[in-house]
Amino acid sequence: MQGDDIGELSIRNRAVGSSTMPHKVNPSLCIEIMSRVPEMSASLSVLLEWVVTIHERDSALHFGALEQMCIDMAQVLSCVEGLLERLVVHPGAMLANIGRTRGAVFTEDVTVQLADRLGRRSAHELMQQTVALMTIERLSLSDALAHDPRCAGVTLPTMDEAIGEAPQMVDACLARLGYNA
């Protein structure tokens, strides 16, 4: 999300970035999180085997796997905390990216509206055709819908309607984590 083509997020970091691209901030915390989590999941089979045999014999040898998972999880949580502290959100870039879709991000909402009269599968197929028309003709979703009489009466959501309760949910989650929204 921090790439030049998207730019919705960035990471505050005083460390040297990429040696070949000075403008780039290497997402080292993200890389560490993404590499440790699969390693932790690989240990699950060992622990699941332990559940089956724990009552039959001494299984102290499994404590090592459990201990390592706890250490790895603590490191992942520490990285996530550090990442959240350094994360910068760019709402303007998010809105610009939504705008670049020319309304295509609202096709799910339109599909739901059309499903009532056309059926779910037919509505889905119509939206696929509509997006193809948008791409070929460089139309907005609104203009593409106007070309098809089956879409008469369909309304596109406002940005506030499309976002719904997401901001309140994010704020509540951050508050539970101890971050001020």
Protein backbone atom coordinates (compact mmCIF):
# COMPACT_ATOMS: atom_id res chain seq x y z
CA MET A 1 0.00 0.00 0.00
CA GLN A 2 3.01 2.30 0.27
CA GLY A 3 4.18 1.73 -3.31
CA ASP A 4 4.35 4.71 -5.65
CA ASP A 5 1.41 3.40 -7.66
CA ILE A 6 -0.91 3.21 -4.63
CA GLY A 7 0.52 5.47 -1.91
CA GLU A 8 -2.27 4.96 0.61
CA LEU A 9 0.10 4.22 3.48
CA SER A 10 3.64 5.09 4.40
CA ILE A 11 5.95 4.19 7.23
CA ARG A 12 7.80 6.82 9.24
CA ASN A 13 11.32 5.55 9.47
CA ARG A 14 14.62 7.32 10.12
CA ALA A 15 16.64 4.36 8.88
CA VAL A 16 18.28 4.36 5.47
CA GLY A 17 15.86 3.16 2.82
CA SER A 18 16.65 1.15 -0.23
CA SER A 19 20.26 1.45 -1.39
CA THR A 20 19.15 1.85 -5.01
CA MET A 21 15.96 3.86 -4.44
CA PRO A 22 16.53 6.54 -1.81
CA HIS A 23 12.87 7.61 -1.82
CA LYS A 24 11.76 4.13 -0.73
CA VAL A 25 11.32 3.05 2.88
CA ASN A 26 11.89 -0.66 3.21
CA PRO A 27 8.98 -2.28 5.08
CA SER A 28 11.28 -4.30 7.36
CA LEU A 29 8.68 -4.75 10.11
CA CYS A 30 6.15 -6.02 7.55
CA ILE A 31 8.73 -8.43 6.15
CA GLU A 32 9.52 -9.74 9.62
CA ILE A 33 5.84 -10.23 10.44
CA MET A 34 5.16 -11.97 7.14
CA SER A 35 8.14 -14.30 7.58
CA ARG A 36 7.54 -15.24 11.23
CA VAL A 37 3.83 -16.01 10.97
CA PRO A 38 4.24 -18.96 8.55
CA GLU A 39 7.04 -20.31 10.74
CA MET A 40 4.68 -20.23 13.72
CA SER A 41 1.91 -21.95 11.77
CA ALA A 42 4.31 -24.73 10.82
CA SER A 43 4.62 -25.58 14.53
CA LEU A 44 0.88 -26.09 14.87
CA SER A 45 1.01 -29.68 13.60
CA VAL A 46 3.47 -30.55 16.37
CA LEU A 47 1.17 -29.02 18.99
CA LEU A 48 -1.93 -30.67 17.55
CA GLU A 49 -0.17 -34.01 17.78
CA TRP A 50 0.58 -33.18 21.40
CA VAL A 51 -3.15 -32.73 22.12
CA VAL A 52 -3.78 -36.31 20.99
CA THR A 53 -0.99 -37.85 23.09
CA ILE A 54 -0.72 -35.59 26.15
CA HIS A 55 -2.80 -37.91 28.34
CA GLU A 56 -0.96 -41.06 27.22
CA ARG A 57 2.66 -40.25 27.94
CA ASP A 58 5.10 -37.64 29.09
CA SER A 59 5.24 -35.09 26.34
CA ALA A 60 7.69 -32.64 27.79
CA LEU A 61 9.51 -32.62 24.46
CA HIS A 62 6.65 -30.57 23.01
CA PHE A 63 7.25 -27.75 25.47
CA GLY A 64 10.12 -26.55 23.29
CA ALA A 65 7.79 -26.06 20.32
CA LEU A 66 5.26 -24.27 22.49
CA GLU A 67 7.93 -22.07 24.04
CA GLN A 68 9.32 -21.14 20.60
CA MET A 69 5.82 -20.30 19.35
CA CYS A 70 5.28 -17.99 22.32
CA ILE A 71 8.62 -16.26 21.72
CA ASP A 72 7.85 -15.89 18.01
CA MET A 73 4.35 -14.57 18.73
CA ALA A 74 5.76 -12.00 21.16
CA GLN A 75 8.15 -10.86 18.44
CA VAL A 76 5.31 -10.62 15.90
CA LEU A 77 3.20 -8.58 18.32
CA SER A 78 6.15 -6.30 19.03
CA CYS A 79 6.64 -5.77 15.29
CA VAL A 80 2.92 -5.06 14.80
CA GLU A 81 3.02 -2.52 17.63
CA GLY A 82 6.07 -0.84 16.10
CA LEU A 83 4.43 -0.83 12.69
CA LEU A 84 1.24 0.77 14.02
CA GLU A 85 3.30 3.49 15.71
CA ARG A 86 5.07 4.32 12.43
CA LEU A 87 2.15 3.90 10.04
CA VAL A 88 0.91 7.00 8.24
CA VAL A 89 -2.43 6.83 6.43
CA HIS A 90 -3.03 9.04 3.38
CA PRO A 91 -6.81 9.46 2.98
CA GLY A 92 -6.39 11.75 -0.03
CA ALA A 93 -4.56 9.01 -1.92
CA MET A 94 -7.29 6.55 -0.93
CA LEU A 95 -9.98 8.83 -2.38
CA ALA A 96 -7.90 9.39 -5.52
CA ASN A 97 -7.51 5.62 -5.97
CA ILE A 98 -11.26 5.12 -5.59
CA GLY A 99 -11.77 7.84 -8.18
CA ARG A 100 -9.39 6.10 -10.58
CA THR A 101 -11.83 3.18 -10.72
CA ARG A 102 -14.47 5.53 -12.19
CA GLY A 103 -17.01 3.99 -9.83
CA ALA A 104 -16.15 0.32 -10.40
CA VAL A 105 -15.67 -0.10 -6.64
CA PHE A 106 -19.43 0.32 -6.31
CA THR A 107 -20.36 -2.61 -8.57
CA GLU A 108 -21.08 -4.84 -5.58
CA ASP A 109 -23.70 -2.39 -4.34
CA VAL A 110 -25.21 -2.18 -7.83
CA THR A 111 -25.17 -5.98 -8.15
CA VAL A 112 -27.16 -6.28 -4.91
CA GLN A 113 -29.71 -3.77 -6.19
CA LEU A 114 -30.03 -5.58 -9.53
CA ALA A 115 -30.19 -9.04 -7.94
CA ASP A 116 -33.68 -8.28 -6.64
CA ARG A 117 -35.03 -7.94 -10.16
CA LEU A 118 -32.60 -9.99 -12.30
CA GLY A 119 -31.39 -12.69 -9.93
CA ARG A 120 -27.95 -12.85 -8.35
CA ARG A 121 -26.12 -14.63 -11.18
CA SER A 122 -27.62 -12.45 -13.93
CA ALA A 123 -26.85 -9.30 -11.96
CA HIS A 124 -23.26 -10.46 -11.48
CA GLU A 125 -22.86 -11.20 -15.20
CA LEU A 126 -24.35 -7.80 -16.07
CA MET A 127 -21.84 -6.07 -13.82
CA GLN A 128 -18.98 -7.97 -15.49
CA GLN A 129 -20.25 -6.75 -18.87
CA THR A 130 -20.65 -3.24 -17.52
CA VAL A 131 -17.07 -3.14 -16.22
CA ALA A 132 -15.85 -4.41 -19.60
CA LEU A 133 -17.78 -1.57 -21.29
CA MET A 134 -16.32 0.91 -18.80
CA THR A 135 -12.83 -0.28 -19.66
CA ILE A 136 -13.27 -0.27 -23.44
CA GLU A 137 -15.16 3.03 -23.65
CA ARG A 138 -13.41 4.72 -20.68
CA LEU A 139 -16.81 5.39 -19.10
CA SER A 140 -17.72 5.96 -15.48
CA LEU A 141 -19.94 3.36 -13.84
CA SER A 142 -22.77 5.86 -13.82
CA ASP A 143 -22.45 6.45 -17.59
CA ALA A 144 -22.14 2.73 -18.32
CA LEU A 145 -25.28 1.99 -16.29
CA ALA A 146 -27.15 4.68 -18.23
CA HIS A 147 -26.47 2.70 -21.43
CA ASP A 148 -28.44 -0.32 -20.21
CA PRO A 149 -32.21 -0.15 -19.64
CA ARG A 150 -31.99 -3.07 -17.18
CA CYS A 151 -30.15 -0.69 -14.84
CA ALA A 152 -32.87 1.96 -14.78
CA GLY A 153 -33.49 3.22 -11.26
CA VAL A 154 -30.20 1.92 -9.89
CA THR A 155 -28.46 4.46 -7.65
CA LEU A 156 -24.80 4.62 -6.75
CA PRO A 157 -24.00 5.02 -3.07
CA THR A 158 -22.48 8.20 -1.75
CA MET A 159 -19.01 7.88 -0.28
CA ASP A 160 -20.47 8.04 3.24
CA GLU A 161 -22.94 5.26 2.41
CA ALA A 162 -20.18 3.16 0.85
CA ILE A 163 -17.91 3.53 3.86
CA GLY A 164 -20.73 2.66 6.24
CA GLU A 165 -19.63 2.01 9.80
CA ALA A 166 -16.01 1.22 8.91
CA PRO A 167 -14.55 4.41 10.52
CA GLN A 168 -16.36 3.75 13.81
CA MET A 169 -15.24 0.10 13.75
CA VAL A 170 -11.60 1.12 13.19
CA ASP A 171 -11.79 3.73 15.95
CA ALA A 172 -13.30 1.18 18.37
CA CYS A 173 -10.60 -1.35 17.51
CA LEU A 174 -7.81 1.19 17.99
CA ALA A 175 -9.35 2.32 21.28
CA ARG A 176 -9.39 -1.28 22.54
CA LEU A 177 -5.71 -1.51 21.61
CA GLY A 178 -4.96 1.66 23.56
CA TYR A 179 -4.41 3.97 20.60
CA ASN A 180 -6.13 7.32 20.45
CA ALA A 181 -8.11 7.67 17.26
